[in-house]
């Protein structure tokens, strides 16, 4: 079993919501927070950093669908 390190590359905050673009091993994804509390992680296996960035950015346009 390999231990994968999570690296945060960028963050976006909208009021009490935050979305971070992260990389875990070779997979890009997003971590979602509300009021500083972790809500969930989504990994997009086989997708690029730009794909994860676009999902993170969509959070600011329609943040209610995440939390």
Protein backbone atom coordinates (compact mmCIF):
# COMPACT_ATOMS: atom_id res chain seq x y z
CA UNK A 1 0.00 0.00 0.00
CA UNK A 2 1.40 3.38 -0.96
CA UNK A 3 0.97 6.48 1.14
CA UNK A 4 -0.31 9.31 -1.07
CA UNK A 5 0.39 12.89 -0.07
CA UNK A 6 -2.29 15.53 -0.63
CA UNK A 7 -1.02 18.85 -1.96
CA UNK A 8 -3.24 21.95 -2.11
CA UNK A 9 -2.53 24.05 -5.21
CA UNK A 10 -5.11 26.83 -4.97
CA UNK A 11 -8.17 27.94 -3.02
CA UNK A 12 -11.27 29.99 -3.61
CA UNK A 13 -13.40 31.48 -0.85
CA UNK A 14 -16.96 32.76 -1.20
CA UNK A 15 -18.40 33.87 2.13
CA UNK A 16 -18.38 30.84 4.43
CA UNK A 17 -17.55 28.43 1.58
CA UNK A 18 -14.06 27.39 0.43
CA UNK A 19 -12.96 25.09 -2.35
CA UNK A 20 -9.35 23.89 -2.69
CA UNK A 21 -7.81 22.36 -5.80
CA UNK A 22 -5.74 19.38 -4.62
CA UNK A 23 -3.55 16.64 -6.02
CA UNK A 24 -3.40 13.20 -4.37
CA UNK A 25 -0.82 10.97 -6.01
CA UNK A 26 -1.52 11.41 -9.74
CA UNK A 27 -5.17 12.41 -9.26
CA UNK A 28 -6.54 15.97 -9.22
CA UNK A 29 -9.60 16.96 -7.24
CA UNK A 30 -11.27 19.41 -4.89
CA UNK A 31 -11.79 19.66 -1.15
CA UNK A 32 -14.90 21.55 -0.06
CA UNK A 33 -15.37 23.38 3.25
CA UNK A 34 -18.19 25.31 4.92
CA UNK A 35 -17.49 27.57 7.90
CA UNK A 36 -13.96 26.15 7.95
CA UNK A 37 -15.29 22.60 8.38
CA UNK A 38 -14.38 19.93 5.83
CA UNK A 39 -17.46 18.79 3.88
CA UNK A 40 -16.14 16.42 1.21
CA UNK A 41 -13.41 15.57 -1.27
CA UNK A 42 -13.93 14.82 -4.95
CA UNK A 43 -11.13 13.21 -6.98
CA UNK A 44 -11.27 13.26 -10.77
CA UNK A 45 -9.20 10.23 -11.79
CA UNK A 46 -7.79 10.54 -15.28
CA UNK A 47 -8.53 14.27 -15.48
CA UNK A 48 -6.18 17.23 -15.52
CA UNK A 49 -5.46 20.08 -13.14
CA UNK A 50 -7.50 22.40 -15.36
CA UNK A 51 -10.52 20.06 -15.03
CA UNK A 52 -10.26 20.24 -11.23
CA UNK A 53 -9.78 24.03 -11.40
CA UNK A 54 -12.94 24.41 -13.48
CA UNK A 55 -14.94 22.39 -10.96
CA UNK A 56 -13.54 24.47 -8.12
CA UNK A 57 -14.44 27.67 -9.99
CA UNK A 58 -17.98 26.45 -10.62
CA UNK A 59 -18.40 26.37 -6.84
CA UNK A 60 -18.38 30.17 -6.78
CA UNK A 61 -21.08 30.32 -9.46
CA UNK A 62 -23.40 27.80 -7.81
CA UNK A 63 -22.06 27.14 -4.33
CA UNK A 64 -25.34 25.79 -3.01
CA UNK A 65 -24.97 22.47 -4.86
CA UNK A 66 -21.86 21.52 -2.88
CA UNK A 67 -22.85 21.82 0.76
